[in-house]
Amino acid sequence: MSLNHPHLSPVAYVDILEGDGEGHVRFLTPEDAQVVSDARAELQKEHSWKLEILSGDHEQRYWQKILVDRQVKLNRPREKKRGTEKLISKAEKIIMTRAKEANKHIRFQED
């Protein structure tokens, strides 16, 4: 999905999880959001997106969600690792992921 259209405002942040049917797109200014909103008929026709600018209670609830998400991220415990340990840990994760992926493939062998 791409909101980077030559005639539309640049996107500052996209808040959506994979598989979600709806999400939030943030712009740098209210004017930027209005430009996109003004083009919503074209975007709905082209991409089947239904767009609306959040206001009132909906906007307040979204700002609360942003603050909660930020706190959760800041309070998440982090492992303190040094450079070499980090690289080894990353490599181990990649190897484990690839091994799991390889095990998902079904192989047929002829006798």
PDB file of N, CA and C in Angstrom:
ATOM      1  N   MET A   1       0.850  -1.170   0.000  1.00  0.00           N
ATOM      2  CA  MET A   1       0.000   0.000   0.000  1.00  0.00           C
ATOM      3  C   MET A   1       0.892   1.228   0.000  1.00  0.00           C
ATOM      4  N   SER A   2       0.590   2.173  -0.854  1.00  0.00           N
ATOM      5  CA  SER A   2       1.422   3.368  -0.922  1.00  0.00           C
ATOM      6  C   SER A   2       0.552   4.610  -1.023  1.00  0.00           C
ATOM      7  N   LEU A   3       0.733   5.513  -0.061  1.00  0.00           N
ATOM      8  CA  LEU A   3       0.019   6.786  -0.119  1.00  0.00           C
ATOM      9  C   LEU A   3       0.902   7.851  -0.751  1.00  0.00           C
ATOM     10  N   ASN A   4       2.105   7.489  -1.176  1.00  0.00           N
ATOM     11  CA  ASN A   4       3.001   8.467  -1.785  1.00  0.00           C
ATOM     12  C   ASN A   4       2.611   8.691  -3.236  1.00  0.00           C
ATOM     13  N   HIS A   5       1.702   9.578  -3.431  1.00  0.00           N
ATOM     14  CA  HIS A   5       1.148   9.935  -4.724  1.00  0.00           C
ATOM     15  C   HIS A   5       1.750  11.290  -5.077  1.00  0.00           C
ATOM     16  N   PRO A   6       2.102  11.546  -6.326  1.00  0.00           N
ATOM     17  CA  PRO A   6       2.796  12.806  -6.653  1.00  0.00           C
ATOM     18  C   PRO A   6       2.025  14.065  -6.278  1.00  0.00           C
ATOM     19  N   HIS A   7       0.686  13.987  -6.211  1.00  0.00           N
ATOM     20  CA  HIS A   7      -0.096  15.191  -5.923  1.00  0.00           C
ATOM     21  C   HIS A   7      -0.570  15.243  -4.474  1.00  0.00           C
ATOM     22  N   LEU A   8      -0.150  14.269  -3.671  1.00  0.00           N
ATOM     23  CA  LEU A   8      -0.616  14.230  -2.290  1.00  0.00           C
ATOM     24  C   LEU A   8       0.494  14.596  -1.320  1.00  0.00           C
ATOM     25  N   SER A   9       0.113  14.793  -0.061  1.00  0.00           N
ATOM     26  CA  SER A   9       1.067  15.177   0.978  1.00  0.00           C
ATOM     27  C   SER A   9       1.961  14.010   1.368  1.00  0.00           C
ATOM     28  N   PRO A  10       3.200  14.305   1.782  1.00  0.00           N
ATOM     29  CA  PRO A  10       4.075  13.222   2.251  1.00  0.00           C
ATOM     30  C   PRO A  10       3.544  12.653   3.569  1.00  0.00           C
ATOM     31  N   VAL A  11       3.657  11.340   3.717  1.00  0.00           N
ATOM     32  CA  VAL A  11       3.184  10.645   4.915  1.00  0.00           C
ATOM     33  C   VAL A  11       4.269  10.694   5.980  1.00  0.00           C
ATOM     34  N   ALA A  12       3.866  11.035   7.226  1.00  0.00           N
ATOM     35  CA  ALA A  12       4.828  11.081   8.324  1.00  0.00           C
ATOM     36  C   ALA A  12       4.908   9.726   9.026  1.00  0.00           C
ATOM     37  N   TYR A  13       3.771   9.029   9.161  1.00  0.00           N
ATOM     38  CA  TYR A  13       3.755   7.775   9.915  1.00  0.00           C
ATOM     39  C   TYR A  13       2.522   6.969   9.539  1.00  0.00           C
ATOM     40  N   VAL A  14       2.689   5.656   9.391  1.00  0.00           N
ATOM     41  CA  VAL A  14       1.557   4.768   9.122  1.00  0.00           C
ATOM     42  C   VAL A  14       1.411   3.844  10.315  1.00  0.00           C
ATOM     43  N   ASP A  15       0.230   3.826  10.915  1.00  0.00           N
ATOM     44  CA  ASP A  15      -0.037   3.036  12.111  1.00  0.00           C
ATOM     45  C   ASP A  15      -1.044   1.952  11.747  1.00  0.00           C
ATOM     46  N   ILE A  16      -0.531   0.810  11.286  1.00  0.00           N
ATOM     47  CA  ILE A  16      -1.396  -0.299  10.889  1.00  0.00           C
ATOM     48  C   ILE A  16      -0.607  -1.589  11.036  1.00  0.00           C
ATOM     49  N   LEU A  17      -1.280  -2.642  11.440  1.00  0.00           N
ATOM     50  CA  LEU A  17      -0.644  -3.943  11.557  1.00  0.00           C
ATOM     51  C   LEU A  17      -1.013  -4.779  10.348  1.00  0.00           C
ATOM     52  N   GLU A  18      -0.101  -5.668   9.963  1.00  0.00           N
ATOM     53  CA  GLU A  18      -0.347  -6.528   8.806  1.00  0.00           C
ATOM     54  C   GLU A  18      -1.631  -7.324   9.028  1.00  0.00           C
ATOM     55  N   GLY A  19      -2.487  -7.315   8.039  1.00  0.00           N
ATOM     56  CA  GLY A  19      -3.743  -8.059   8.133  1.00  0.00           C
ATOM     57  C   GLY A  19      -4.906  -7.219   8.642  1.00  0.00           C
ATOM     58  N   ASP A  20      -4.625  -6.047   9.203  1.00  0.00           N
ATOM     59  CA  ASP A  20      -5.708  -5.179   9.685  1.00  0.00           C
ATOM     60  C   ASP A  20      -6.486  -4.594   8.520  1.00  0.00           C
ATOM     61  N   GLY A  21      -7.770  -4.419   8.720  1.00  0.00           N
ATOM     62  CA  GLY A  21      -8.614  -3.837   7.687  1.00  0.00           C
ATOM     63  C   GLY A  21      -8.603  -2.321   7.708  1.00  0.00           C
ATOM     64  N   GLU A  22      -8.154  -1.756   8.815  1.00  0.00           N
ATOM     65  CA  GLU A  22      -8.082  -0.296   8.889  1.00  0.00           C
ATOM     66  C   GLU A  22      -6.902   0.126   9.739  1.00  0.00           C
ATOM     67  N   GLY A  23      -6.505   1.372   9.543  1.00  0.00           N
ATOM     68  CA  GLY A  23      -5.368   1.890  10.290  1.00  0.00           C
ATOM     69  C   GLY A  23      -5.381   3.406  10.257  1.00  0.00           C
ATOM     70  N   HIS A  24      -4.294   3.991  10.716  1.00  0.00           N
ATOM     71  CA  HIS A  24      -4.185   5.448  10.772  1.00  0.00           C
ATOM     72  C   HIS A  24      -2.955   5.900  10.006  1.00  0.00           C
ATOM     73  N   VAL A  25      -3.104   7.001   9.289  1.00  0.00           N
ATOM     74  CA  VAL A  25      -1.990   7.607   8.566  1.00  0.00           C
ATOM     75  C   VAL A  25      -1.822   9.004   9.135  1.00  0.00           C
ATOM     76  N   ARG A  26      -0.594   9.317   9.554  1.00  0.00           N
ATOM     77  CA  ARG A  26      -0.348  10.635  10.132  1.00  0.00           C
ATOM     78  C   ARG A  26       0.460  11.474   9.150  1.00  0.00           C
ATOM     79  N   PHE A  27       0.123  12.757   9.119  1.00  0.00           N
ATOM     80  CA  PHE A  27       0.807  13.717   8.263  1.00  0.00           C
ATOM     81  C   PHE A  27       1.474  14.766   9.146  1.00  0.00           C
ATOM     82  N   LEU A  28       2.360  15.561   8.563  1.00  0.00           N
ATOM     83  CA  LEU A  28       3.085  16.549   9.350  1.00  0.00           C
ATOM     84  C   LEU A  28       2.195  17.687   9.824  1.00  0.00           C
ATOM     85  N   THR A  29       1.215  18.063   9.010  1.00  0.00           N
ATOM     86  CA  THR A  29       0.347  19.186   9.380  1.00  0.00           C
ATOM     87  C   THR A  29      -1.110  18.842   9.078  1.00  0.00           C
ATOM     88  N   PRO A  30      -2.045  19.527   9.730  1.00  0.00           N
ATOM     89  CA  PRO A  30      -3.471  19.330   9.408  1.00  0.00           C
ATOM     90  C   PRO A  30      -3.770  19.646   7.938  1.00  0.00           C
ATOM     91  N   GLU A  31      -3.032  20.608   7.390  1.00  0.00           N
ATOM     92  CA  GLU A  31      -3.241  20.970   5.977  1.00  0.00           C
ATOM     93  C   GLU A  31      -2.876  19.810   5.054  1.00  0.00           C
ATOM     94  N   ASP A  32      -1.783  19.099   5.398  1.00  0.00           N
ATOM     95  CA  ASP A  32      -1.378  17.929   4.608  1.00  0.00           C
ATOM     96  C   ASP A  32      -2.472  16.869   4.630  1.00  0.00           C
ATOM     97  N   ALA A  33      -3.056  16.656   5.802  1.00  0.00           N
ATOM     98  CA  ALA A  33      -4.135  15.666   5.922  1.00  0.00           C
ATOM     99  C   ALA A  33      -5.348  16.098   5.097  1.00  0.00           C
ATOM    100  N   GLN A  34      -5.610  17.405   5.069  1.00  0.00           N
ATOM    101  CA  GLN A  34      -6.762  17.918   4.321  1.00  0.00           C
ATOM    102  C   GLN A  34      -6.590  17.705   2.823  1.00  0.00           C
ATOM    103  N   VAL A  35      -5.361  17.870   2.327  1.00  0.00           N
ATOM    104  CA  VAL A  35      -5.082  17.651   0.899  1.00  0.00           C
ATOM    105  C   VAL A  35      -5.457  16.218   0.518  1.00  0.00           C
ATOM    106  N   VAL A  36      -5.065  15.251   1.366  1.00  0.00           N
ATOM    107  CA  VAL A  36      -5.376  13.846   1.098  1.00  0.00           C
ATOM    108  C   VAL A  36      -6.883  13.614   1.215  1.00  0.00           C
ATOM    109  N   SER A  37      -7.483  14.214   2.219  1.00  0.00           N
ATOM    110  CA  SER A  37      -8.930  14.067   2.402  1.00  0.00           C
ATOM    111  C   SER A  37      -9.692  14.607   1.193  1.00  0.00           C
ATOM    112  N   ASP A  38      -9.202  15.708   0.628  1.00  0.00           N
ATOM    113  CA  ASP A  38      -9.853  16.301  -0.549  1.00  0.00           C
ATOM    114  C   ASP A  38      -9.779  15.364  -1.757  1.00  0.00           C
ATOM    115  N   ALA A  39      -8.781  14.479  -1.758  1.00  0.00           N
ATOM    116  CA  ALA A  39      -8.610  13.541  -2.877  1.00  0.00           C
ATOM    117  C   ALA A  39      -9.223  12.176  -2.568  1.00  0.00           C
ATOM    118  N   ARG A  40     -10.036  12.096  -1.494  1.00  0.00           N
ATOM    119  CA  ARG A  40     -10.514  10.777  -1.052  1.00  0.00           C
ATOM    120  C   ARG A  40     -11.383  10.066  -2.078  1.00  0.00           C
ATOM    121  N   ALA A  41     -12.151  10.811  -2.879  1.00  0.00           N
ATOM    122  CA  ALA A  41     -12.993  10.169  -3.902  1.00  0.00           C
ATOM    123  C   ALA A  41     -12.113   9.459  -4.927  1.00  0.00           C
ATOM    124  N   GLU A  42     -11.053  10.128  -5.340  1.00  0.00           N
ATOM    125  CA  GLU A  42     -10.105   9.550  -6.309  1.00  0.00           C
ATOM    126  C   GLU A  42      -9.401   8.321  -5.710  1.00  0.00           C
ATOM    127  N   LEU A  43      -8.995   8.435  -4.427  1.00  0.00           N
ATOM    128  CA  LEU A  43      -8.297   7.326  -3.761  1.00  0.00           C
ATOM    129  C   LEU A  43      -9.220   6.133  -3.546  1.00  0.00           C
ATOM    130  N   GLN A  44     -10.486   6.410  -3.264  1.00  0.00           N
ATOM    131  CA  GLN A  44     -11.432   5.301  -3.081  1.00  0.00           C
ATOM    132  C   GLN A  44     -11.665   4.580  -4.404  1.00  0.00           C
ATOM    133  N   LYS A  45     -11.777   5.368  -5.474  1.00  0.00           N
ATOM    134  CA  LYS A  45     -11.988   4.782  -6.803  1.00  0.00           C
ATOM    135  C   LYS A  45     -10.769   3.964  -7.234  1.00  0.00           C
ATOM    136  N   GLU A  46      -9.576   4.534  -6.983  1.00  0.00           N
ATOM    137  CA  GLU A  46      -8.339   3.902  -7.439  1.00  0.00           C
ATOM    138  C   GLU A  46      -7.909   2.709  -6.578  1.00  0.00           C
ATOM    139  N   HIS A  47      -8.057   2.845  -5.218  1.00  0.00           N
ATOM    140  CA  HIS A  47      -7.532   1.820  -4.305  1.00  0.00           C
ATOM    141  C   HIS A  47      -8.589   1.194  -3.403  1.00  0.00           C
ATOM    142  N   SER A  48      -9.840   1.656  -3.490  1.00  0.00           N
ATOM    143  CA  SER A  48     -10.930   1.214  -2.603  1.00  0.00           C
ATOM    144  C   SER A  48     -10.679   1.615  -1.144  1.00  0.00           C
ATOM    145  N   TRP A  49      -9.925   2.699  -0.923  1.00  0.00           N
ATOM    146  CA  TRP A  49      -9.684   3.172   0.439  1.00  0.00           C
ATOM    147  C   TRP A  49     -10.782   4.131   0.838  1.00  0.00           C
ATOM    148  N   LYS A  50     -11.296   3.962   2.044  1.00  0.00           N
ATOM    149  CA  LYS A  50     -12.249   4.925   2.598  1.00  0.00           C
ATOM    150  C   LYS A  50     -11.484   5.753   3.619  1.00  0.00           C
ATOM    151  N   LEU A  51     -11.394   7.050   3.383  1.00  0.00           N
ATOM    152  CA  LEU A  51     -10.599   7.916   4.245  1.00  0.00           C
ATOM    153  C   LEU A  51     -11.477   8.909   4.983  1.00  0.00           C
ATOM    154  N   GLU A  52     -11.118   9.162   6.236  1.00  0.00           N
ATOM    155  CA  GLU A  52     -11.773  10.234   6.981  1.00  0.00           C
ATOM    156  C   GLU A  52     -10.767  10.840   7.948  1.00  0.00           C
ATOM    157  N   ILE A  53     -10.897  12.126   8.175  1.00  0.00           N
ATOM    158  CA  ILE A  53     -10.018  12.813   9.127  1.00  0.00           C
ATOM    159  C   ILE A  53     -10.612  12.626  10.511  1.00  0.00           C
ATOM    160  N   LEU A  54      -9.772  12.185  11.450  1.00  0.00           N
ATOM    161  CA  LEU A  54     -10.248  11.992  12.816  1.00  0.00           C
ATOM    162  C   LEU A  54     -10.497  13.346  13.469  1.00  0.00           C
ATOM    163  N   SER A  55     -11.586  13.417  14.223  1.00  0.00           N
ATOM    164  CA  SER A  55     -11.873  14.645  14.965  1.00  0.00           C
ATOM    165  C   SER A  55     -12.639  14.274  16.232  1.00  0.00           C
ATOM    166  N   GLY A  56     -12.770  15.225  17.134  1.00  0.00           N
ATOM    167  CA  GLY A  56     -13.543  15.019  18.359  1.00  0.00           C
ATOM    168  C   GLY A  56     -13.042  13.854  19.189  1.00  0.00           C
ATOM    169  N   ASP A  57     -13.983  13.015  19.681  1.00  0.00           N
ATOM    170  CA  ASP A  57     -13.648  11.883  20.547  1.00  0.00           C
ATOM    171  C   ASP A  57     -12.724  10.885  19.859  1.00  0.00           C
ATOM    172  N   HIS A  58     -12.953  10.655  18.552  1.00  0.00           N
ATOM    173  CA  HIS A  58     -12.114   9.707  17.810  1.00  0.00           C
ATOM    174  C   HIS A  58     -10.657  10.164  17.824  1.00  0.00           C
ATOM    175  N   GLU A  59     -10.451  11.462  17.616  1.00  0.00           N
ATOM    176  CA  GLU A  59      -9.090  11.999  17.613  1.00  0.00           C
ATOM    177  C   GLU A  59      -8.464  11.890  19.008  1.00  0.00           C
ATOM    178  N   GLN A  60      -9.247  12.219  20.044  1.00  0.00           N
ATOM    179  CA  GLN A  60      -8.741  12.133  21.421  1.00  0.00           C
ATOM    180  C   GLN A  60      -8.333  10.705  21.770  1.00  0.00           C
ATOM    181  N   ARG A  61      -9.189   9.730  21.392  1.00  0.00           N
ATOM    182  CA  ARG A  61      -8.884   8.324  21.681  1.00  0.00           C
ATOM    183  C   ARG A  61      -7.617   7.886  20.949  1.00  0.00           C
ATOM    184  N   TYR A  62      -7.434   8.360  19.714  1.00  0.00           N
ATOM    185  CA  TYR A  62      -6.235   7.978  18.967  1.00  0.00           C
ATOM    186  C   TYR A  62      -4.987   8.573  19.619  1.00  0.00           C
ATOM    187  N   TRP A  63      -5.046   9.821  20.085  1.00  0.00           N
ATOM    188  CA  TRP A  63      -3.896  10.415  20.763  1.00  0.00           C
ATOM    189  C   TRP A  63      -3.561   9.639  22.033  1.00  0.00           C
ATOM    190  N   GLN A  64      -4.593   9.146  22.745  1.00  0.00           N
ATOM    191  CA  GLN A  64      -4.347   8.335  23.949  1.00  0.00           C
ATOM    192  C   GLN A  64      -3.649   7.032  23.563  1.00  0.00           C
ATOM    193  N   LYS A  65      -4.085   6.427  22.453  1.00  0.00           N
ATOM    194  CA  LYS A  65      -3.470   5.187  21.967  1.00  0.00           C
ATOM    195  C   LYS A  65      -1.994   5.427  21.652  1.00  0.00           C
ATOM    196  N   ILE A  66      -1.691   6.558  21.001  1.00  0.00           N
ATOM    197  CA  ILE A  66      -0.300   6.890  20.666  1.00  0.00           C
ATOM    198  C   ILE A  66       0.540   6.970  21.940  1.00  0.00           C
ATOM    199  N   LEU A  67       0.015   7.649  22.961  1.00  0.00           N
ATOM    200  CA  LEU A  67       0.759   7.810  24.219  1.00  0.00           C
ATOM    201  C   LEU A  67       0.970   6.469  24.917  1.00  0.00           C
ATOM    202  N   VAL A  68      -0.062   5.624  24.927  1.00  0.00           N
ATOM    203  CA  VAL A  68       0.053   4.294  25.549  1.00  0.00           C
ATOM    204  C   VAL A  68       1.080   3.452  24.794  1.00  0.00           C
ATOM    205  N   ASP A  69       0.986   3.432  23.457  1.00  0.00           N
ATOM    206  CA  ASP A  69       1.947   2.667  22.644  1.00  0.00           C
ATOM    207  C   ASP A  69       3.379   3.120  22.919  1.00  0.00           C
ATOM    208  N   ARG A  70       3.564   4.442  23.037  1.00  0.00           N
ATOM    209  CA  ARG A  70       4.899   5.002  23.278  1.00  0.00           C
ATOM    210  C   ARG A  70       5.429   4.538  24.644  1.00  0.00           C
ATOM    211  N   GLN A  71       4.556   4.567  25.684  1.00  0.00           N
ATOM    212  CA  GLN A  71       4.961   4.139  27.025  1.00  0.00           C
ATOM    213  C   GLN A  71       5.336   2.664  27.043  1.00  0.00           C
ATOM    214  N   VAL A  72       4.530   1.842  26.360  1.00  0.00           N
ATOM    215  CA  VAL A  72       4.794   0.402  26.292  1.00  0.00           C
ATOM    216  C   VAL A  72       6.161   0.170  25.660  1.00  0.00           C
ATOM    217  N   LYS A  73       6.427   0.894  24.578  1.00  0.00           N
ATOM    218  CA  LYS A  73       7.714   0.740  23.880  1.00  0.00           C
ATOM    219  C   LYS A  73       8.882   1.168  24.778  1.00  0.00           C
ATOM    220  N   LEU A  74       8.716   2.290  25.484  1.00  0.00           N
ATOM    221  CA  LEU A  74       9.786   2.795  26.347  1.00  0.00           C
ATOM    222  C   LEU A  74      10.027   1.896  27.559  1.00  0.00           C
ATOM    223  N   ASN A  75       8.976   1.253  28.056  1.00  0.00           N
ATOM    224  CA  ASN A  75       9.103   0.429  29.268  1.00  0.00           C
ATOM    225  C   ASN A  75       9.459  -1.020  28.975  1.00  0.00           C
ATOM    226  N   ARG A  76       9.572  -1.379  27.707  1.00  0.00           N
ATOM    227  CA  ARG A  76       9.904  -2.754  27.334  1.00  0.00           C
ATOM    228  C   ARG A  76      11.319  -3.077  27.809  1.00  0.00           C
ATOM    229  N   PRO A  77      11.467  -4.188  28.563  1.00  0.00           N
ATOM    230  CA  PRO A  77      12.826  -4.515  29.015  1.00  0.00           C
ATOM    231  C   PRO A  77      13.731  -4.870  27.837  1.00  0.00           C
ATOM    232  N   ARG A  78      14.939  -4.362  27.866  1.00  0.00           N
ATOM    233  CA  ARG A  78      15.878  -4.622  26.775  1.00  0.00           C
ATOM    234  C   ARG A  78      17.088  -5.357  27.318  1.00  0.00           C
ATOM    235  N   GLU A  79      17.567  -6.291  26.518  1.00  0.00           N
ATOM    236  CA  GLU A  79      18.797  -6.985  26.892  1.00  0.00           C
ATOM    237  C   GLU A  79      19.975  -6.075  26.551  1.00  0.00           C
ATOM    238  N   LYS A  80      20.892  -5.975  27.489  1.00  0.00           N
ATOM    239  CA  LYS A  80      22.089  -5.164  27.224  1.00  0.00           C
ATOM    240  C   LYS A  80      23.172  -6.099  26.692  1.00  0.00           C
ATOM    241  N   LYS A  81      23.521  -5.914  25.437  1.00  0.00           N
ATOM    242  CA  LYS A  81      24.564  -6.742  24.833  1.00  0.00           C
ATOM    243  C   LYS A  81      25.584  -5.832  24.171  1.00  0.00           C
ATOM    244  N   ARG A  82      26.812  -6.301  24.160  1.00  0.00           N
ATOM    245  CA  ARG A  82      27.860  -5.538  23.486  1.00  0.00           C
ATOM    246  C   ARG A  82      27.931  -5.934  22.025  1.00  0.00           C
ATOM    247  N   GLY A  83      28.682  -5.190  21.249  1.00  0.00           N
ATOM    248  CA  GLY A  83      28.768  -5.354  19.795  1.00  0.00           C
ATOM    249  C   GLY A  83      28.852  -6.776  19.274  1.00  0.00           C
ATOM    250  N   THR A  84      29.874  -7.517  19.702  1.00  0.00           N
ATOM    251  CA  THR A  84      30.076  -8.878  19.193  1.00  0.00           C
ATOM    252  C   THR A  84      28.926  -9.777  19.611  1.00  0.00           C
ATOM    253  N   GLU A  85      28.491  -9.652  20.888  1.00  0.00           N
ATOM    254  CA  GLU A  85      27.373 -10.466  21.374  1.00  0.00           C
ATOM    255  C   GLU A  85      26.115 -10.205  20.549  1.00  0.00           C
ATOM    256  N   LYS A  86      25.889  -8.928  20.223  1.00  0.00           N
ATOM    257  CA  LYS A  86      24.719  -8.553  19.419  1.00  0.00           C
ATOM    258  C   LYS A  86      24.746  -9.247  18.067  1.00  0.00           C
ATOM    259  N   LEU A  87      25.911  -9.187  17.404  1.00  0.00           N
ATOM    260  CA  LEU A  87      26.039  -9.794  16.076  1.00  0.00           C
ATOM    261  C   LEU A  87      25.831 -11.300  16.131  1.00  0.00           C
ATOM    262  N   ILE A  88      26.403 -11.947  17.146  1.00  0.00           N
ATOM    263  CA  ILE A  88      26.244 -13.404  17.286  1.00  0.00           C
ATOM    264  C   ILE A  88      24.771 -13.730  17.526  1.00  0.00           C
ATOM    265  N   SER A  89      24.136 -12.972  18.400  1.00  0.00           N
ATOM    266  CA  SER A  89      22.720 -13.195  18.721  1.00  0.00           C
ATOM    267  C   SER A  89      21.850 -13.029  17.476  1.00  0.00           C
ATOM    268  N   LYS A  90      22.135 -11.974  16.696  1.00  0.00           N
ATOM    269  CA  LYS A  90      21.380 -11.732  15.458  1.00  0.00           C
ATOM    270  C   LYS A  90      21.559 -12.883  14.477  1.00  0.00           C
ATOM    271  N   ALA A  91      22.801 -13.330  14.323  1.00  0.00           N
ATOM    272  CA  ALA A  91      23.107 -14.428  13.405  1.00  0.00           C
ATOM    273  C   ALA A  91      22.387 -15.701  13.842  1.00  0.00           C
ATOM    274  N   GLU A  92      22.377 -15.964  15.152  1.00  0.00           N
ATOM    275  CA  GLU A  92      21.688 -17.159  15.661  1.00  0.00           C
ATOM    276  C   GLU A  92      20.195 -17.097  15.354  1.00  0.00           C
ATOM    277  N   LYS A  93      19.601 -15.921  15.526  1.00  0.00           N
ATOM    278  CA  LYS A  93      18.167 -15.760  15.224  1.00  0.00           C
ATOM    279  C   LYS A  93      17.894 -16.041  13.749  1.00  0.00           C
ATOM    280  N   ILE A  94      18.752 -15.506  12.867  1.00  0.00           N
ATOM    281  CA  ILE A  94      18.577 -15.704  11.421  1.00  0.00           C
ATOM    282  C   ILE A  94      18.697 -17.194  11.079  1.00  0.00           C
ATOM    283  N   ILE A  95      19.694 -17.853  11.657  1.00  0.00           N
ATOM    284  CA  ILE A  95      19.907 -19.286  11.397  1.00  0.00           C
ATOM    285  C   ILE A  95      18.699 -20.093  11.873  1.00  0.00           C
ATOM    286  N   MET A  96      18.198 -19.773  13.071  1.00  0.00           N
ATOM    287  CA  MET A  96      17.037 -20.493  13.620  1.00  0.00           C
ATOM    288  C   MET A  96      15.805 -20.275  12.740  1.00  0.00           C
ATOM    289  N   THR A  97      15.592 -19.042  12.292  1.00  0.00           N
ATOM    290  CA  THR A  97      14.439 -18.729  11.438  1.00  0.00           C
ATOM    291  C   THR A  97      14.529 -19.495  10.132  1.00  0.00           C
ATOM    292  N   ARG A  98      15.705 -19.508   9.526  1.00  0.00           N
ATOM    293  CA  ARG A  98      15.884 -20.226   8.253  1.00  0.00           C
ATOM    294  C   ARG A  98      15.682 -21.726   8.438  1.00  0.00           C
ATOM    295  N   ALA A  99      16.158 -22.255   9.569  1.00  0.00           N
ATOM    296  CA  ALA A  99      16.001 -23.691   9.846  1.00  0.00           C
ATOM    297  C   ALA A  99      14.513 -24.031   9.973  1.00  0.00           C
ATOM    298  N   LYS A 100      13.764 -23.174  10.666  1.00  0.00           N
ATOM    299  CA  LYS A 100      12.316 -23.403  10.819  1.00  0.00           C
ATOM    300  C   LYS A 100      11.628 -23.348   9.462  1.00  0.00           C
ATOM    301  N   GLU A 101      12.015 -22.344   8.644  1.00  0.00           N
ATOM    302  CA  GLU A 101      11.418 -22.206   7.310  1.00  0.00           C
ATOM    303  C   GLU A 101      11.709 -23.438   6.460  1.00  0.00           C
ATOM    304  N   ALA A 102      12.944 -23.935   6.538  1.00  0.00           N
ATOM    305  CA  ALA A 102      13.339 -25.104   5.744  1.00  0.00           C
ATOM    306  C   ALA A 102      12.524 -26.325   6.148  1.00  0.00           C
ATOM    307  N   ASN A 103      12.195 -26.429   7.432  1.00  0.00           N
ATOM    308  CA  ASN A 103      11.419 -27.572   7.914  1.00  0.00           C
ATOM    309  C   ASN A 103       9.961 -27.519   7.470  1.00  0.00           C
ATOM    310  N   LYS A 104       9.489 -26.367   7.038  1.00  0.00           N
ATOM    311  CA  LYS A 104       8.100 -26.231   6.600  1.00  0.00           C
ATOM    312  C   LYS A 104       7.886 -26.803   5.206  1.00  0.00           C
ATOM    313  N   HIS A 105       8.963 -26.879   4.422  1.00  0.00           N
ATOM    314  CA  HIS A 105       8.838 -27.361   3.050  1.00  0.00           C
ATOM    315  C   HIS A 105       8.694 -28.879   3.028  1.00  0.00           C
ATOM    316  N   ILE A 106       7.758 -29.363   2.254  1.00  0.00           N
ATOM    317  CA  ILE A 106       7.552 -30.809   2.111  1.00  0.00           C
ATOM    318  C   ILE A 106       8.342 -31.271   0.904  1.00  0.00           C
ATOM    319  N   ARG A 107       9.143 -32.306   1.119  1.00  0.00           N
ATOM    320  CA  ARG A 107       9.947 -32.819   0.004  1.00  0.00           C
ATOM    321  C   ARG A 107       9.496 -34.234  -0.323  1.00  0.00           C
ATOM    322  N   PHE A 108       9.302 -34.503  -1.592  1.00  0.00           N
ATOM    323  CA  PHE A 108       8.927 -35.833  -2.043  1.00  0.00           C
ATOM    324  C   PHE A 108      10.137 -36.454  -2.721  1.00  0.00           C
ATOM    325  N   GLN A 109      10.413 -37.692  -2.355  1.00  0.00           N
ATOM    326  CA  GLN A 109      11.534 -38.388  -2.985  1.00  0.00           C
ATOM    327  C   GLN A 109      11.027 -39.667  -3.623  1.00  0.00           C
ATOM    328  N   GLU A 110      11.545 -39.940  -4.802  1.00  0.00           N
ATOM    329  CA  GLU A 110      11.164 -41.176  -5.466  1.00  0.00           C
ATOM    330  C   GLU A 110      12.071 -42.287  -4.973  1.00  0.00           C
ATOM    331  N   ASP A 111      11.527 -43.530  -4.896  1.00  0.00           N
ATOM    332  CA  ASP A 111      12.325 -44.675  -4.436  1.00  0.00           C
ATOM    333  C   ASP A 111      13.305 -45.104  -5.508  1.00  0.00           C
TER     334      ASP A 111
END
